Amino acid sequence: MTLLFLEALGAGLILVFIIWWTMFSGRKGGEPRRDEPAQPEDSEPK
């Protein structure tokens, strides 16, 4: 029973680490700025 608990705890810690890594390991200054102005999504080219 203890072994199952330790295995589940290890899997949970790995899951939390993966989530933390993907959330907080990006670029130091965030995303780079874009030079071109953003276009509205619902406008279609004519």
Protein backbone atom coordinates (compact mmCIF):
# COMPACT_ATOMS: atom_id res chain seq x y z
CA MET A 1 0.00 0.00 0.00
CA THR A 2 2.84 2.37 0.83
CA LEU A 3 4.46 1.66 -2.52
CA LEU A 4 1.26 2.61 -4.36
CA PHE A 5 1.04 5.83 -2.37
CA LEU A 6 4.66 6.71 -3.16
CA GLU A 7 4.12 5.96 -6.85
CA ALA A 8 1.00 8.14 -6.98
CA LEU A 9 2.82 10.92 -5.13
CA GLY A 10 5.73 10.74 -7.57
CA ALA A 11 3.40 10.87 -10.57
CA GLY A 12 1.59 13.86 -9.07
CA LEU A 13 4.86 15.69 -8.46
CA ILE A 14 5.97 15.04 -12.03
CA LEU A 15 2.63 16.36 -13.30
CA VAL A 16 2.90 19.52 -11.19
CA PHE A 17 6.50 20.03 -12.36
CA ILE A 18 5.51 19.71 -16.03
CA ILE A 19 2.68 22.23 -15.56
CA TRP A 20 4.98 24.64 -13.69
CA TRP A 21 7.68 24.28 -16.34
CA THR A 22 5.30 25.08 -19.22
CA MET A 23 3.78 28.06 -17.41
CA PHE A 24 6.88 29.81 -16.07
CA SER A 25 9.87 28.88 -18.23
CA GLY A 26 9.22 31.21 -21.16
CA ARG A 27 11.29 34.11 -22.37
CA LYS A 28 12.65 36.44 -19.71
CA GLY A 29 11.02 39.55 -21.26
CA GLY A 30 7.85 37.83 -22.39
CA GLU A 31 6.77 37.64 -25.99
CA PRO A 32 8.48 40.04 -28.44
CA ARG A 33 6.45 42.98 -29.69
CA ARG A 34 5.05 42.80 -33.19
CA ASP A 35 5.74 45.69 -35.56
CA GLU A 36 2.58 45.40 -37.64
CA PRO A 37 -0.73 46.48 -36.04
CA ALA A 38 -3.09 43.72 -34.98
CA GLN A 39 -6.09 43.22 -37.27
CA PRO A 40 -9.52 42.43 -35.87
CA GLU A 41 -10.28 38.72 -36.14
CA ASP A 42 -13.78 39.12 -37.54
CA SER A 43 -12.75 41.35 -40.48
CA GLU A 44 -12.41 39.56 -43.80
CA PRO A 45 -10.19 40.68 -46.68
CA LYS A 46 -12.16 42.15 -49.57
